[in-house]
Amino acid sequence: LSARRSLDICLFAFSSPQLGRAVQILHRRGVRVRVVTDAEYMGLKGSQIGFLRDAGIQVRHDQESGYMHHKFAIVDRRVLITGSLNWTTQAMQNNRENVLVVEEAEYVKPFLDEFERIWEEYNPVNYKFF
């Protein structure tokens, strides 16, 4: 809950109610929250994506046949959280996972660039329906 200005989340799976509530609290505090996720996974039972959208948080998803399988978040454009962890209760309580938290700009910037690239690519204006 340390984000003050922004939280950019790029996750395949997000079903942890605890993390969902934490993200909503940040949003209510005025932190700009943006979420990129996988279209297939976001509709599964337990996904927090619908709750985040209902709270007014911006969410975009892929339109491809493959998975949007990234697992990272960027806090205030300067702290990177990445690793194998999906934001699910199963992953946090039962799985063997790794998480890396980095503040060095040389490591944060490529993830920031990737988030911005995907954010624009998944803009609903660009969706192809036919």
Protein backbone atom coordinates (compact mmCIF):
# COMPACT_ATOMS: atom_id res chain seq x y z
CA LEU A 1 0.00 0.00 0.00
CA SER A 2 2.98 2.29 -0.47
CA ALA A 3 1.99 3.66 -3.89
CA ARG A 4 1.40 7.40 -3.80
CA ARG A 5 0.86 8.33 -7.46
CA SER A 6 0.51 5.25 -9.65
CA LEU A 7 0.25 1.49 -9.72
CA ASP A 8 0.53 -0.30 -13.07
CA ILE A 9 -0.32 -4.00 -12.85
CA CYS A 10 0.32 -6.52 -15.62
CA LEU A 11 -0.91 -9.96 -14.53
CA PHE A 12 -2.14 -13.18 -16.03
CA ALA A 13 -4.13 -14.21 -12.95
CA PHE A 14 -5.56 -11.96 -10.23
CA SER A 15 -7.93 -13.72 -7.85
CA SER A 16 -6.63 -12.80 -4.39
CA PRO A 17 -9.42 -10.94 -2.55
CA GLN A 18 -6.85 -9.43 -0.16
CA LEU A 19 -4.79 -7.94 -2.97
CA GLY A 20 -7.96 -6.88 -4.77
CA ARG A 21 -9.05 -4.92 -1.70
CA ALA A 22 -5.58 -3.37 -1.33
CA VAL A 23 -5.66 -2.19 -4.95
CA GLN A 24 -9.14 -0.71 -4.46
CA ILE A 25 -7.95 1.14 -1.33
CA LEU A 26 -5.11 2.69 -3.33
CA HIS A 27 -7.56 3.71 -6.05
CA ARG A 28 -9.85 5.35 -3.48
CA ARG A 29 -6.84 7.25 -2.10
CA GLY A 30 -6.34 8.81 -5.53
CA VAL A 31 -3.58 6.56 -6.83
CA ARG A 32 -3.90 6.05 -10.61
CA VAL A 33 -4.31 2.29 -11.04
CA ARG A 34 -4.13 0.60 -14.44
CA VAL A 35 -4.46 -3.15 -14.94
CA VAL A 36 -3.55 -5.27 -17.96
CA THR A 37 -4.68 -8.88 -17.84
CA ASP A 38 -5.49 -11.96 -19.87
CA ALA A 39 -8.98 -11.95 -21.41
CA GLU A 40 -9.58 -15.65 -20.86
CA TYR A 41 -8.52 -15.70 -17.24
CA MET A 42 -10.33 -12.53 -16.18
CA GLY A 43 -13.71 -14.18 -16.71
CA LEU A 44 -13.03 -17.19 -14.51
CA LYS A 45 -14.73 -17.67 -11.16
CA GLY A 46 -12.86 -15.86 -8.41
CA SER A 47 -11.15 -13.33 -10.66
CA GLN A 48 -10.89 -9.89 -9.05
CA ILE A 49 -10.94 -8.06 -12.38
CA GLY A 50 -14.70 -7.45 -12.38
CA PHE A 51 -14.52 -6.00 -8.86
CA LEU A 52 -11.68 -3.70 -9.91
CA ARG A 53 -13.64 -2.51 -12.95
CA ASP A 54 -16.74 -1.96 -10.80
CA ALA A 55 -14.60 0.20 -8.50
CA GLY A 56 -13.69 2.43 -11.48
CA ILE A 57 -10.21 1.05 -12.07
CA GLN A 58 -9.02 1.04 -15.69
CA VAL A 59 -8.60 -2.51 -17.02
CA ARG A 60 -7.45 -3.62 -20.45
CA HIS A 61 -7.03 -7.14 -21.80
CA ASP A 62 -5.56 -8.96 -24.74
CA GLN A 63 -7.41 -9.82 -27.95
CA GLU A 64 -5.11 -12.64 -29.00
CA SER A 65 -5.29 -16.42 -29.00
CA GLY A 66 -2.21 -16.74 -26.76
CA TYR A 67 -1.98 -15.75 -23.12
CA MET A 68 -1.01 -12.36 -21.72
CA HIS A 69 1.23 -14.14 -19.22
CA HIS A 70 3.26 -11.33 -17.63
CA LYS A 71 3.43 -11.06 -13.85
CA PHE A 72 4.68 -7.65 -12.79
CA ALA A 73 3.63 -4.40 -11.17
CA ILE A 74 5.24 -0.97 -11.14
CA VAL A 75 4.76 1.34 -8.17
CA ASP A 76 5.07 5.10 -8.75
CA ARG A 77 7.00 4.42 -11.97
CA ARG A 78 10.10 3.58 -9.93
CA VAL A 79 9.64 0.25 -8.11
CA LEU A 80 9.29 -3.01 -10.03
CA ILE A 81 7.68 -6.11 -8.50
CA THR A 82 8.11 -9.16 -10.74
CA GLY A 83 8.54 -12.91 -10.64
CA SER A 84 6.58 -16.12 -11.06
CA LEU A 85 3.78 -15.15 -8.66
CA ASN A 86 0.24 -14.81 -9.94
CA TRP A 87 -1.81 -12.69 -7.55
CA THR A 88 -3.90 -15.63 -6.39
CA THR A 89 -4.52 -17.06 -2.93
CA GLN A 90 -3.30 -20.45 -4.17
CA ALA A 91 0.01 -18.99 -5.34
CA MET A 92 0.58 -16.96 -2.18
CA GLN A 93 -0.32 -19.69 0.31
CA ASN A 94 0.62 -22.97 -1.35
CA ASN A 95 2.97 -22.57 -4.30
CA ARG A 96 6.71 -22.24 -4.52
CA GLU A 97 7.07 -18.85 -6.18
CA ASN A 98 9.64 -16.10 -6.54
CA VAL A 99 9.20 -12.35 -6.31
CA LEU A 100 11.83 -9.72 -7.00
CA VAL A 101 11.46 -6.09 -5.92
CA VAL A 102 13.80 -3.69 -7.71
CA GLU A 103 14.25 0.08 -7.61
CA GLU A 104 17.15 0.46 -10.04
CA ALA A 105 15.94 2.49 -13.02
CA GLU A 106 17.89 0.38 -15.53
CA TYR A 107 15.72 -2.62 -14.58
CA VAL A 108 12.45 -0.77 -14.05
CA LYS A 109 12.47 1.09 -17.38
CA PRO A 110 12.14 -1.93 -19.72
CA PHE A 111 9.10 -3.10 -17.73
CA LEU A 112 7.63 0.41 -17.79
CA ASP A 113 8.13 0.52 -21.55
CA GLU A 114 6.52 -2.91 -21.95
CA PHE A 115 3.54 -1.89 -19.83
CA GLU A 116 3.00 1.28 -21.88
CA ARG A 117 3.35 -0.67 -25.14
CA ILE A 118 0.78 -3.26 -24.06
CA TRP A 119 -1.51 -0.60 -22.58
CA GLU A 120 -1.68 1.11 -25.97
CA GLU A 121 -1.93 -2.16 -27.91
CA TYR A 122 -4.88 -3.27 -25.76
CA ASN A 123 -6.71 0.03 -26.11
CA PRO A 124 -10.32 -0.91 -26.98
CA VAL A 125 -10.21 1.60 -29.84
CA ASN A 126 -7.72 -0.74 -31.54
CA TYR A 127 -9.74 -3.96 -31.13
CA LYS A 128 -10.57 -5.80 -34.32
CA PHE A 129 -13.97 -7.46 -34.22
CA PHE A 130 -14.06 -8.83 -37.77
